Protein backbone atom coordinates (compact mmCIF):
# COMPACT_ATOMS: atom_id res chain seq x y z
CA ALA A 1 -9.70 -6.75 -7.92
CA GLN A 2 -6.79 -4.44 -7.09
CA ILE A 3 -7.29 -3.69 -3.40
CA LYS A 4 -5.04 -2.22 -0.76
CA ASN A 5 -4.76 -4.85 1.94
CA THR A 6 -4.21 -2.22 4.61
CA THR A 7 -7.55 -0.46 4.12
CA GLY A 8 -9.67 -2.72 1.96
CA GLY A 9 -10.01 0.20 -0.43
CA GLY A 10 -9.13 0.03 -4.05
CA ILE A 11 -11.04 2.53 -6.14
CA ILE A 12 -7.93 4.46 -7.12
CA HIS A 13 -5.85 1.34 -7.75
CA GLY A 14 -8.72 -0.17 -9.73
CA LEU A 15 -8.98 2.92 -11.89
CA LEU A 16 -5.22 3.03 -12.37
CA SER A 17 -5.15 -0.62 -13.40
CA ALA A 18 -7.99 0.10 -15.86
CA GLN A 19 -5.89 2.95 -17.24
CA CYS A 20 -2.96 0.53 -17.63
CA LEU A 21 -5.21 -1.89 -19.50
CA ALA A 22 -6.52 0.86 -21.79
CA GLU A 23 -2.96 1.94 -22.55
CA ALA A 24 -1.94 -1.64 -23.26
CA ILE A 25 -4.84 -2.10 -25.68
CA VAL A 26 -4.45 1.24 -27.47
CA GLU A 27 -0.66 1.09 -27.75
CA ASN A 28 -0.50 -2.71 -28.21
CA LYS A 29 1.75 -3.10 -25.17
CA ASN A 30 2.02 -5.73 -22.47
CA TYR A 31 -0.49 -4.99 -19.69
CA GLN A 32 1.50 -6.83 -17.03
CA LYS A 33 4.64 -4.78 -17.71
CA ILE A 34 2.70 -1.50 -17.50
CA PHE A 35 0.89 -2.64 -14.35
CA ASN A 36 4.13 -3.76 -12.67
CA LYS A 37 5.81 -0.46 -13.49
CA ARG A 38 2.98 1.67 -12.07
CA LEU A 39 1.21 -0.31 -9.36
CA LYS A 40 3.06 -3.42 -8.22
CA LYS A 41 5.36 -1.58 -5.80
CA SER A 42 2.48 0.21 -4.08
CA LEU A 43 0.27 -2.88 -3.80
CA SER A 44 3.20 -5.01 -2.61
CA LEU A 45 4.02 -2.44 0.09
CA HIS A 46 0.42 -2.44 1.34
CA ASN A 47 0.45 -6.24 1.36
CA LEU A 48 3.68 -6.28 3.41
CA ILE A 49 2.25 -3.76 5.90
CA TYR A 50 -0.94 -5.82 6.19
CA LYS A 51 0.95 -9.06 6.82
CA THR A 52 3.18 -7.38 9.39
CA MET A 53 0.30 -5.74 11.24
CA SER A 54 -1.72 -8.97 11.17
CA SER A 55 1.09 -10.83 12.89
CA LEU A 56 1.22 -8.40 15.84
CA THR A 57 -0.35 -9.31 19.16
CA ASP A 58 -2.24 -6.90 21.42
CA LYS A 59 0.92 -6.64 23.51
CA ASP A 60 2.93 -5.71 20.41
CA PHE A 61 0.41 -2.98 19.54
CA ASP A 62 0.59 -1.60 23.09
CA LYS A 63 4.37 -1.41 22.80
CA LEU A 64 4.15 0.25 19.36
CA ILE A 65 1.71 2.87 20.64
CA GLY A 66 3.95 3.46 23.65
CA LEU A 67 6.90 4.08 21.33
CA CYS A 68 4.86 6.50 19.22
CA LYS A 69 4.01 8.55 22.29
CA LYS A 70 7.68 9.42 22.80
CA SER A 71 8.40 13.04 21.93
CA LYS A 72 11.10 12.35 19.32
CA ILE A 73 8.81 10.09 17.35
CA LYS A 74 5.86 12.47 17.68
CA SER A 75 7.86 15.38 16.31
CA SER A 76 9.20 13.37 13.38
CA MET A 77 5.69 12.15 12.50
CA PHE A 78 4.42 15.70 12.12
CA ARG A 79 7.25 16.60 9.74
CA MET A 80 6.10 14.03 7.16
């Protein structure tokens, strides 16, 4: 049940959490500690993005898209 709130996907995160569980079982380690170290940051970030995007109105999205159309932002987006 490890999904990315931003996309609804989760195959990779599910497989990674299964890998964490296998490691915890084989090496007799704490699953939660392994999971937190490898996946918690990523899943928490997706949850924050989802909550933020869900709170935006149509007007907010229009403004955000307008800002992204500016040339400085466009050029920095392509450098990522």
